[in-house]
């Protein structure tokens, strides 16, 4: 079962989003502020999606978005009262996969969440232990990549990109590079 993390300081909104998430058959985890997001994500490796408000006490949702995107490979869906084009652009350029404003339609929210989960299901995740393509060997167990029998020194992000690319031969993929905040 997919878990969805909801981060919003308005408990009524959390309850409504949680009800919608559970209606679609997913499990919901609720946070009312973002200071514990890293702790929650580190202890719940099976979180598939994050629903995030921008206006939060302490760190803003955009600051939390940057933190999430810098440290985790989890899609973030912005759900916020901020409806200006500039706010939407900041959220989407910051790495959010979608942006919906409050007040929202429950059916639209469920449809967007379900659509994102279905898209995630379509991205094949390799179950192979070692993937070989020409002179590149990716050892998925040990997170190592060798090229012409020489082990490459890669960051975790570089490794994830290579693993994803080599596991998806022949597919057209789009990589988004995030720079600055």
N, C-alpha and C. Protein backbone atom coordinates (compact mmCIF):
# COMPACT_ATOMS: atom_id res chain seq x y z
N UNK A 1 0.85 -1.19 0.00
CA UNK A 1 0.00 0.00 0.00
C UNK A 1 0.88 1.24 0.00
N UNK A 2 0.52 2.18 -0.84
CA UNK A 2 1.27 3.43 -0.92
C UNK A 2 0.94 4.31 0.28
N UNK A 3 1.98 4.99 0.78
CA UNK A 3 1.79 5.95 1.86
C UNK A 3 1.95 7.35 1.29
N UNK A 4 1.10 8.25 1.74
CA UNK A 4 1.16 9.64 1.31
C UNK A 4 1.32 10.51 2.55
N UNK A 5 2.36 11.35 2.54
CA UNK A 5 2.62 12.26 3.64
C UNK A 5 1.93 13.58 3.36
N UNK A 6 1.11 14.04 4.30
CA UNK A 6 0.38 15.30 4.19
C UNK A 6 1.00 16.27 5.18
N UNK A 7 1.45 17.44 4.69
CA UNK A 7 2.05 18.45 5.56
C UNK A 7 1.26 19.73 5.40
N UNK A 8 0.48 20.06 6.44
CA UNK A 8 -0.35 21.27 6.44
C UNK A 8 -0.63 21.64 7.89
N UNK A 9 -0.60 22.94 8.20
CA UNK A 9 -0.84 23.36 9.58
C UNK A 9 -2.32 23.46 9.93
N UNK A 10 -3.20 23.38 8.96
CA UNK A 10 -4.64 23.45 9.18
C UNK A 10 -5.17 22.03 9.35
N UNK A 11 -5.55 21.68 10.57
CA UNK A 11 -5.99 20.32 10.86
C UNK A 11 -7.23 19.93 10.06
N UNK A 12 -8.13 20.89 9.80
CA UNK A 12 -9.30 20.57 8.98
C UNK A 12 -8.89 20.16 7.57
N UNK A 13 -7.94 20.87 6.99
CA UNK A 13 -7.44 20.52 5.65
C UNK A 13 -6.78 19.14 5.70
N UNK A 14 -5.97 18.90 6.73
CA UNK A 14 -5.33 17.59 6.88
C UNK A 14 -6.36 16.47 6.93
N UNK A 15 -7.43 16.70 7.68
CA UNK A 15 -8.49 15.68 7.80
C UNK A 15 -9.17 15.43 6.45
N UNK A 16 -9.42 16.49 5.71
CA UNK A 16 -10.09 16.34 4.40
C UNK A 16 -9.16 15.63 3.41
N UNK A 17 -7.90 16.04 3.37
CA UNK A 17 -6.95 15.39 2.45
C UNK A 17 -6.75 13.94 2.85
N UNK A 18 -6.63 13.69 4.16
CA UNK A 18 -6.48 12.31 4.64
C UNK A 18 -7.67 11.46 4.22
N UNK A 19 -8.87 11.99 4.38
CA UNK A 19 -10.08 11.26 3.98
C UNK A 19 -10.04 10.92 2.49
N UNK A 20 -9.62 11.88 1.66
CA UNK A 20 -9.53 11.66 0.22
C UNK A 20 -8.46 10.63 -0.13
N UNK A 21 -7.32 10.71 0.53
CA UNK A 21 -6.23 9.76 0.30
C UNK A 21 -6.69 8.35 0.66
N UNK A 22 -7.32 8.23 1.82
CA UNK A 22 -7.78 6.91 2.26
C UNK A 22 -8.93 6.40 1.40
N UNK A 23 -9.76 7.30 0.88
CA UNK A 23 -10.84 6.92 -0.03
C UNK A 23 -10.27 6.23 -1.27
N UNK A 24 -9.10 6.68 -1.72
CA UNK A 24 -8.44 6.10 -2.89
C UNK A 24 -7.67 4.83 -2.56
N UNK A 25 -7.64 4.46 -1.28
CA UNK A 25 -6.99 3.21 -0.88
C UNK A 25 -5.54 3.36 -0.45
N UNK A 26 -5.11 4.58 -0.20
CA UNK A 26 -3.73 4.81 0.23
C UNK A 26 -3.71 5.09 1.73
N UNK A 27 -2.54 4.94 2.33
CA UNK A 27 -2.37 5.25 3.74
C UNK A 27 -1.88 6.68 3.88
N UNK A 28 -2.39 7.41 4.86
CA UNK A 28 -1.99 8.80 5.05
C UNK A 28 -1.20 8.97 6.35
N UNK A 29 -0.16 9.78 6.28
CA UNK A 29 0.60 10.21 7.45
C UNK A 29 0.49 11.73 7.47
N UNK A 30 0.18 12.31 8.62
CA UNK A 30 -0.07 13.75 8.71
C UNK A 30 0.97 14.43 9.60
N UNK A 31 1.50 15.54 9.10
CA UNK A 31 2.36 16.44 9.88
C UNK A 31 1.74 17.83 9.83
N UNK A 32 1.73 18.55 10.96
CA UNK A 32 1.17 19.89 10.98
C UNK A 32 2.21 20.99 10.84
N UNK A 33 3.46 20.60 10.71
CA UNK A 33 4.54 21.54 10.43
C UNK A 33 5.70 20.73 9.88
N UNK A 34 6.68 21.42 9.30
CA UNK A 34 7.69 20.71 8.54
C UNK A 34 8.98 20.35 9.24
N UNK A 35 9.12 20.66 10.52
CA UNK A 35 10.41 20.44 11.17
C UNK A 35 10.78 18.97 11.28
N UNK A 36 9.81 18.08 11.23
CA UNK A 36 10.09 16.64 11.38
C UNK A 36 10.06 15.89 10.05
N UNK A 37 10.00 16.62 8.93
CA UNK A 37 9.85 15.96 7.64
C UNK A 37 11.01 15.01 7.33
N UNK A 38 12.25 15.43 7.60
CA UNK A 38 13.40 14.57 7.32
C UNK A 38 13.35 13.31 8.17
N UNK A 39 13.02 13.47 9.42
CA UNK A 39 12.90 12.32 10.33
C UNK A 39 11.83 11.34 9.83
N UNK A 40 10.68 11.86 9.44
CA UNK A 40 9.59 11.02 8.95
C UNK A 40 10.00 10.31 7.67
N UNK A 41 10.63 11.01 6.74
CA UNK A 41 11.03 10.41 5.47
C UNK A 41 12.13 9.37 5.65
N UNK A 42 13.02 9.60 6.60
CA UNK A 42 14.07 8.62 6.86
C UNK A 42 13.52 7.36 7.51
N UNK A 43 12.46 7.49 8.30
CA UNK A 43 11.91 6.32 8.99
C UNK A 43 10.77 5.65 8.23
N UNK A 44 10.30 6.26 7.14
CA UNK A 44 9.23 5.68 6.32
C UNK A 44 9.69 5.66 4.87
N UNK A 45 10.46 4.67 4.51
CA UNK A 45 11.04 4.58 3.16
C UNK A 45 10.00 4.31 2.08
N UNK A 46 8.76 3.96 2.48
CA UNK A 46 7.73 3.61 1.50
C UNK A 46 6.74 4.75 1.24
N UNK A 47 7.11 5.98 1.58
CA UNK A 47 6.25 7.12 1.24
C UNK A 47 6.38 7.37 -0.26
N UNK A 48 5.23 7.36 -0.94
CA UNK A 48 5.23 7.47 -2.40
C UNK A 48 5.01 8.89 -2.88
N UNK A 49 4.39 9.73 -2.05
CA UNK A 49 4.00 11.07 -2.48
C UNK A 49 3.87 11.95 -1.25
N UNK A 50 4.17 13.25 -1.43
CA UNK A 50 4.01 14.22 -0.35
C UNK A 50 3.06 15.31 -0.83
N UNK A 51 2.06 15.62 -0.01
CA UNK A 51 1.14 16.73 -0.27
C UNK A 51 1.57 17.84 0.70
N UNK A 52 1.99 18.98 0.16
CA UNK A 52 2.65 20.01 0.96
C UNK A 52 2.01 21.38 0.80
N UNK A 53 1.73 22.02 1.92
CA UNK A 53 1.24 23.41 1.93
C UNK A 53 2.46 24.34 1.91
N UNK A 54 2.29 25.55 1.43
CA UNK A 54 3.39 26.52 1.43
C UNK A 54 3.44 27.31 2.73
N UNK A 55 2.27 27.75 3.19
CA UNK A 55 2.25 28.61 4.38
C UNK A 55 2.19 27.74 5.64
N UNK A 56 3.37 27.53 6.22
CA UNK A 56 3.51 26.71 7.41
C UNK A 56 4.24 27.49 8.49
N UNK A 57 4.03 27.15 9.75
CA UNK A 57 4.81 27.80 10.81
C UNK A 57 6.27 27.37 10.71
N UNK A 58 7.18 28.25 11.06
CA UNK A 58 8.60 27.91 10.96
C UNK A 58 9.05 27.99 9.52
N UNK A 59 9.60 26.90 9.02
CA UNK A 59 10.03 26.85 7.62
C UNK A 59 8.83 26.91 6.69
N UNK A 60 8.98 27.64 5.59
CA UNK A 60 7.89 27.68 4.61
C UNK A 60 7.85 26.37 3.84
N UNK A 61 6.73 26.12 3.19
CA UNK A 61 6.60 24.93 2.37
C UNK A 61 7.63 24.89 1.25
N UNK A 62 7.99 26.07 0.71
CA UNK A 62 9.01 26.09 -0.35
C UNK A 62 10.37 25.68 0.20
N UNK A 63 10.71 26.12 1.40
CA UNK A 63 11.97 25.70 2.01
C UNK A 63 11.96 24.19 2.26
N UNK A 64 10.83 23.68 2.70
CA UNK A 64 10.71 22.23 2.93
C UNK A 64 10.79 21.48 1.61
N UNK A 65 10.17 22.03 0.57
CA UNK A 65 10.24 21.42 -0.76
C UNK A 65 11.69 21.29 -1.21
N UNK A 66 12.48 22.36 -1.07
CA UNK A 66 13.88 22.32 -1.47
C UNK A 66 14.65 21.26 -0.66
N UNK A 67 14.36 21.18 0.63
CA UNK A 67 15.02 20.19 1.48
C UNK A 67 14.67 18.77 1.02
N UNK A 68 13.40 18.54 0.73
CA UNK A 68 12.96 17.21 0.28
C UNK A 68 13.64 16.87 -1.04
N UNK A 69 13.59 17.79 -2.00
CA UNK A 69 14.13 17.50 -3.33
C UNK A 69 15.65 17.33 -3.30
N UNK A 70 16.32 17.95 -2.34
CA UNK A 70 17.77 17.82 -2.23
C UNK A 70 18.19 16.49 -1.62
N UNK A 71 17.32 15.88 -0.82
CA UNK A 71 17.71 14.70 -0.06
C UNK A 71 16.91 13.43 -0.37
N UNK A 72 15.78 13.56 -1.05
CA UNK A 72 14.92 12.41 -1.28
C UNK A 72 14.39 12.42 -2.71
N UNK A 73 14.08 11.25 -3.21
CA UNK A 73 13.52 11.13 -4.55
C UNK A 73 12.03 10.80 -4.42
N UNK A 74 11.27 11.73 -3.88
CA UNK A 74 9.84 11.54 -3.65
C UNK A 74 9.10 12.70 -4.31
N UNK A 75 8.08 12.41 -5.12
CA UNK A 75 7.33 13.51 -5.73
C UNK A 75 6.56 14.32 -4.69
N UNK A 76 6.52 15.63 -4.91
CA UNK A 76 5.83 16.55 -4.01
C UNK A 76 4.72 17.26 -4.77
N UNK A 77 3.55 17.25 -4.18
CA UNK A 77 2.34 17.85 -4.73
C UNK A 77 2.00 19.03 -3.85
N UNK A 78 2.02 20.25 -4.38
CA UNK A 78 1.72 21.44 -3.59
C UNK A 78 0.21 21.63 -3.50
N UNK A 79 -0.29 21.83 -2.30
CA UNK A 79 -1.71 22.11 -2.04
C UNK A 79 -1.73 23.32 -1.12
N UNK A 80 -2.08 24.49 -1.68
CA UNK A 80 -1.89 25.72 -0.93
C UNK A 80 -2.93 26.78 -1.32
N UNK A 81 -3.11 27.75 -0.45
CA UNK A 81 -4.01 28.86 -0.74
C UNK A 81 -3.37 29.90 -1.65
N UNK A 82 -2.06 29.84 -1.81
CA UNK A 82 -1.37 30.81 -2.66
C UNK A 82 -1.65 30.48 -4.12
N UNK A 83 -2.34 31.39 -4.80
CA UNK A 83 -2.84 31.07 -6.14
C UNK A 83 -2.26 31.94 -7.26
N UNK A 84 -1.31 32.81 -6.93
CA UNK A 84 -0.75 33.66 -7.99
C UNK A 84 0.13 32.82 -8.91
N UNK A 85 0.27 33.28 -10.13
CA UNK A 85 1.13 32.58 -11.09
C UNK A 85 2.56 32.48 -10.57
N UNK A 86 3.03 33.53 -9.90
CA UNK A 86 4.39 33.52 -9.38
C UNK A 86 4.57 32.42 -8.34
N UNK A 87 3.58 32.25 -7.45
CA UNK A 87 3.66 31.20 -6.44
C UNK A 87 3.66 29.82 -7.08
N UNK A 88 2.80 29.64 -8.08
CA UNK A 88 2.74 28.35 -8.78
C UNK A 88 4.07 28.05 -9.47
N UNK A 89 4.63 29.06 -10.11
CA UNK A 89 5.91 28.89 -10.82
C UNK A 89 7.02 28.54 -9.82
N UNK A 90 7.06 29.23 -8.67
CA UNK A 90 8.07 28.93 -7.65
C UNK A 90 7.95 27.48 -7.20
N UNK A 91 6.73 27.02 -6.97
CA UNK A 91 6.53 25.64 -6.52
C UNK A 91 6.94 24.64 -7.57
N UNK A 92 6.52 24.85 -8.80
CA UNK A 92 6.84 23.91 -9.87
C UNK A 92 8.32 23.94 -10.22
N UNK A 93 8.91 25.12 -10.26
CA UNK A 93 10.35 25.21 -10.55
C UNK A 93 11.17 24.69 -9.38
N UNK A 94 10.60 24.73 -8.19
CA UNK A 94 11.29 24.19 -7.02
C UNK A 94 11.28 22.67 -6.97
N UNK A 95 10.52 22.06 -7.86
CA UNK A 95 10.54 20.60 -7.92
C UNK A 95 9.21 19.92 -7.70
N UNK A 96 8.16 20.69 -7.42
CA UNK A 96 6.84 20.07 -7.23
C UNK A 96 6.37 19.47 -8.55
N UNK A 97 5.67 18.33 -8.47
CA UNK A 97 5.15 17.69 -9.68
C UNK A 97 3.77 18.20 -10.06
N UNK A 98 3.09 18.83 -9.11
CA UNK A 98 1.76 19.38 -9.38
C UNK A 98 1.48 20.46 -8.35
N UNK A 99 0.47 21.28 -8.62
CA UNK A 99 0.15 22.42 -7.76
C UNK A 99 -1.35 22.63 -7.86
N UNK A 100 -2.04 22.59 -6.74
CA UNK A 100 -3.49 22.83 -6.71
C UNK A 100 -3.76 23.82 -5.58
N UNK A 101 -4.72 24.71 -5.82
CA UNK A 101 -4.99 25.75 -4.83
C UNK A 101 -6.24 25.44 -4.01
N UNK A 102 -6.22 25.96 -2.80
CA UNK A 102 -7.37 25.87 -1.89
C UNK A 102 -8.29 27.05 -2.18
N UNK A 103 -9.57 26.92 -2.07
CA UNK A 103 -10.29 25.67 -1.81
C UNK A 103 -10.20 24.77 -3.04
N UNK A 104 -10.29 23.46 -2.82
CA UNK A 104 -10.12 22.51 -3.90
C UNK A 104 -11.34 21.59 -3.97
N UNK A 105 -11.49 20.98 -5.12
CA UNK A 105 -12.55 20.01 -5.33
C UNK A 105 -12.00 18.64 -4.93
N UNK A 106 -12.72 17.94 -4.05
CA UNK A 106 -12.25 16.64 -3.56
C UNK A 106 -12.02 15.64 -4.68
N UNK A 107 -12.90 15.61 -5.66
CA UNK A 107 -12.74 14.66 -6.76
C UNK A 107 -11.50 14.98 -7.59
N UNK A 108 -11.25 16.29 -7.82
CA UNK A 108 -10.05 16.67 -8.56
C UNK A 108 -8.80 16.28 -7.79
N UNK A 109 -8.80 16.52 -6.48
CA UNK A 109 -7.66 16.15 -5.65
C UNK A 109 -7.39 14.65 -5.75
N UNK A 110 -8.44 13.85 -5.59
CA UNK A 110 -8.28 12.39 -5.68
C UNK A 110 -7.79 11.98 -7.06
N UNK A 111 -8.32 12.60 -8.10
CA UNK A 111 -7.92 12.26 -9.47
C UNK A 111 -6.44 12.58 -9.69
N UNK A 112 -6.00 13.73 -9.21
CA UNK A 112 -4.59 14.12 -9.40
C UNK A 112 -3.65 13.19 -8.63
N UNK A 113 -4.02 12.86 -7.40
CA UNK A 113 -3.20 11.96 -6.60
C UNK A 113 -3.15 10.58 -7.25
N UNK A 114 -4.29 10.06 -7.65
CA UNK A 114 -4.33 8.75 -8.30
C UNK A 114 -3.54 8.74 -9.59
N UNK A 115 -3.63 9.81 -10.36
CA UNK A 115 -2.88 9.91 -11.60
C UNK A 115 -1.38 9.85 -11.34
N UNK A 116 -0.92 10.57 -10.32
CA UNK A 116 0.50 10.56 -10.00
C UNK A 116 0.96 9.17 -9.56
N UNK A 117 0.16 8.50 -8.74
CA UNK A 117 0.52 7.16 -8.28
C UNK A 117 0.55 6.20 -9.47
N UNK A 118 -0.42 6.30 -10.37
CA UNK A 118 -0.44 5.43 -11.55
C UNK A 118 0.78 5.67 -12.42
N UNK A 119 1.19 6.93 -12.58
CA UNK A 119 2.39 7.24 -13.36
C UNK A 119 3.62 6.61 -12.72
N UNK A 120 3.69 6.65 -11.40
CA UNK A 120 4.82 6.07 -10.69
C UNK A 120 4.86 4.55 -10.90
N UNK A 121 3.70 3.92 -10.94
CA UNK A 121 3.63 2.47 -11.14
C UNK A 121 4.15 2.08 -12.51
N UNK A 122 4.00 2.97 -13.51
CA UNK A 122 4.41 2.66 -14.87
C UNK A 122 5.91 2.75 -15.07
N UNK A 123 6.60 3.43 -14.19
CA UNK A 123 8.05 3.53 -14.33
C UNK A 123 8.65 2.23 -13.80
N UNK A 124 9.24 1.44 -14.67
CA UNK A 124 9.73 0.16 -14.22
C UNK A 124 10.90 0.30 -13.25
N UNK A 125 10.83 -0.48 -12.21
CA UNK A 125 11.92 -0.54 -11.26
C UNK A 125 12.59 -1.88 -11.46
N UNK A 126 13.87 -1.86 -11.69
CA UNK A 126 14.55 -3.11 -11.99
C UNK A 126 14.61 -4.03 -10.78
N UNK A 127 14.44 -5.30 -11.03
CA UNK A 127 14.60 -6.29 -9.97
C UNK A 127 15.90 -7.06 -10.17
N UNK A 128 16.60 -6.73 -11.26
CA UNK A 128 17.87 -7.38 -11.52
C UNK A 128 18.92 -6.89 -10.53
N UNK A 129 19.84 -7.78 -10.21
CA UNK A 129 20.91 -7.43 -9.28
C UNK A 129 22.06 -6.72 -9.99
N UNK A 130 22.34 -7.14 -11.25
CA UNK A 130 23.41 -6.52 -12.02
C UNK A 130 22.86 -6.24 -13.42
N UNK A 131 23.03 -5.02 -13.87
CA UNK A 131 22.58 -4.62 -15.20
C UNK A 131 23.82 -4.28 -16.01
N UNK A 132 23.89 -4.86 -17.20
CA UNK A 132 25.04 -4.61 -18.06
C UNK A 132 24.57 -4.04 -19.38
N UNK A 133 25.23 -2.98 -19.82
CA UNK A 133 24.97 -2.39 -21.13
C UNK A 133 26.31 -1.98 -21.70
N UNK A 134 26.72 -2.69 -22.75
CA UNK A 134 28.02 -2.47 -23.36
C UNK A 134 29.10 -2.59 -22.29
N UNK A 135 29.84 -1.54 -22.04
CA UNK A 135 30.94 -1.58 -21.07
C UNK A 135 30.55 -1.03 -19.70
N UNK A 136 29.27 -0.77 -19.49
CA UNK A 136 28.78 -0.24 -18.21
C UNK A 136 28.14 -1.38 -17.44
N UNK A 137 28.53 -1.55 -16.18
CA UNK A 137 27.95 -2.56 -15.31
C UNK A 137 27.45 -1.85 -14.05
N UNK A 138 26.14 -2.01 -13.78
CA UNK A 138 25.53 -1.41 -12.60
C UNK A 138 25.19 -2.53 -11.62
N UNK A 139 25.81 -2.48 -10.46
CA UNK A 139 25.54 -3.45 -9.39
C UNK A 139 24.54 -2.82 -8.45
N UNK A 140 23.27 -3.24 -8.58
CA UNK A 140 22.18 -2.61 -7.82
C UNK A 140 22.27 -2.92 -6.32
N UNK A 141 22.81 -4.07 -5.97
CA UNK A 141 22.92 -4.41 -4.54
C UNK A 141 23.90 -3.51 -3.82
N UNK A 142 25.05 -3.30 -4.44
CA UNK A 142 26.12 -2.54 -3.79
C UNK A 142 26.17 -1.09 -4.23
N UNK A 143 25.26 -0.71 -5.15
CA UNK A 143 25.20 0.66 -5.65
C UNK A 143 26.53 1.10 -6.25
N UNK A 144 27.11 0.22 -7.07
CA UNK A 144 28.37 0.50 -7.74
C UNK A 144 28.17 0.51 -9.25
N UNK A 145 28.95 1.34 -9.93
CA UNK A 145 28.94 1.37 -11.39
C UNK A 145 30.39 1.23 -11.85
N UNK A 146 30.59 0.30 -12.79
CA UNK A 146 31.92 0.18 -13.39
C UNK A 146 31.81 0.48 -14.88
N UNK A 147 32.85 1.09 -15.40
CA UNK A 147 32.93 1.44 -16.81
C UNK A 147 34.29 0.97 -17.30
N UNK A 148 34.30 0.06 -18.28
CA UNK A 148 35.52 -0.58 -18.74
C UNK A 148 36.30 -1.15 -17.55
N UNK A 149 35.58 -1.85 -16.67
CA UNK A 149 36.14 -2.53 -15.50
C UNK A 149 36.75 -1.59 -14.46
N UNK A 150 36.47 -0.31 -14.57
CA UNK A 150 36.96 0.65 -13.58
C UNK A 150 35.76 1.18 -12.79
N UNK A 151 35.82 1.06 -11.46
CA UNK A 151 34.71 1.53 -10.62
C UNK A 151 34.67 3.05 -10.61
N UNK A 152 33.47 3.59 -10.86
CA UNK A 152 33.29 5.04 -10.87
C UNK A 152 32.94 5.53 -9.48
N UNK A 153 33.42 6.70 -9.13
CA UNK A 153 33.06 7.34 -7.86
C UNK A 153 31.90 8.27 -8.16
N UNK A 154 30.72 7.91 -7.66
CA UNK A 154 29.50 8.67 -7.97
C UNK A 154 28.81 9.11 -6.69
N UNK A 155 28.12 10.24 -6.78
CA UNK A 155 27.24 10.64 -5.68
C UNK A 155 26.01 9.74 -5.74
N UNK A 156 25.21 9.75 -4.71
CA UNK A 156 24.00 8.92 -4.71
C UNK A 156 23.05 9.36 -5.82
N UNK A 157 22.99 10.66 -6.10
CA UNK A 157 22.12 11.15 -7.17
C UNK A 157 22.63 10.69 -8.53
N UNK A 158 23.92 10.78 -8.75
CA UNK A 158 24.50 10.31 -10.01
C UNK A 158 24.23 8.82 -10.21
N UNK A 159 24.38 8.05 -9.13
CA UNK A 159 24.11 6.61 -9.21
C UNK A 159 22.65 6.36 -9.59
N UNK A 160 21.73 7.05 -8.93
CA UNK A 160 20.29 6.86 -9.20
C UNK A 160 19.97 7.18 -10.66
N UNK A 161 20.59 8.23 -11.19
CA UNK A 161 20.34 8.61 -12.58
C UNK A 161 20.84 7.51 -13.52
N UNK A 162 22.05 7.03 -13.29
CA UNK A 162 22.60 5.98 -14.16
C UNK A 162 21.77 4.72 -14.04
N UNK A 163 21.40 4.33 -12.84
CA UNK A 163 20.59 3.13 -12.65
C UNK A 163 19.25 3.27 -13.38
N UNK A 164 18.63 4.41 -13.25
CA UNK A 164 17.34 4.64 -13.90
C UNK A 164 17.48 4.60 -15.42
N UNK A 165 18.51 5.26 -15.95
CA UNK A 165 18.71 5.29 -17.40
C UNK A 165 19.00 3.91 -17.96
N UNK A 166 19.86 3.17 -17.30
CA UNK A 166 20.23 1.85 -17.83
C UNK A 166 19.09 0.84 -17.68
N UNK A 167 18.21 1.07 -16.71
CA UNK A 167 17.06 0.18 -16.52
C UNK A 167 15.92 0.51 -17.48
N UNK A 168 16.04 1.60 -18.22
CA UNK A 168 14.97 2.04 -19.13
C UNK A 168 15.51 2.27 -20.54
N UNK A 169 16.13 1.25 -21.15
CA UNK A 169 16.69 1.44 -22.49
C UNK A 169 15.60 1.72 -23.52
N UNK A 170 15.91 2.60 -24.45
CA UNK A 170 14.98 2.88 -25.54
C UNK A 170 13.84 3.82 -25.18
N UNK A 171 13.73 4.22 -23.91
CA UNK A 171 12.68 5.14 -23.51
C UNK A 171 13.19 6.56 -23.57
N UNK A 172 12.31 7.47 -23.96
CA UNK A 172 12.65 8.88 -23.93
C UNK A 172 12.35 9.37 -22.52
N UNK A 173 13.36 9.91 -21.87
CA UNK A 173 13.24 10.35 -20.48
C UNK A 173 13.61 11.81 -20.38
N UNK A 174 13.01 12.48 -19.42
CA UNK A 174 13.34 13.88 -19.18
C UNK A 174 13.91 14.00 -17.80
N UNK A 175 15.09 14.55 -17.70
CA UNK A 175 15.71 14.81 -16.42
C UNK A 175 15.62 16.31 -16.17
N UNK A 176 15.27 16.67 -14.96
CA UNK A 176 15.16 18.08 -14.61
C UNK A 176 16.28 18.40 -13.63
N UNK A 177 17.07 19.36 -14.00
CA UNK A 177 18.16 19.80 -13.14
C UNK A 177 17.69 20.99 -12.33
N UNK A 178 17.79 20.89 -11.01
CA UNK A 178 17.38 21.97 -10.13
C UNK A 178 18.63 22.72 -9.69
N UNK A 179 18.62 24.02 -9.88
CA UNK A 179 19.75 24.82 -9.46
C UNK A 179 19.27 25.93 -8.55
N UNK A 180 20.07 26.24 -7.59
CA UNK A 180 19.78 27.35 -6.68
C UNK A 180 18.43 27.23 -5.99
N UNK A 181 18.17 28.11 -5.10
CA UNK A 181 16.87 28.13 -4.41
C UNK A 181 16.29 29.50 -4.62
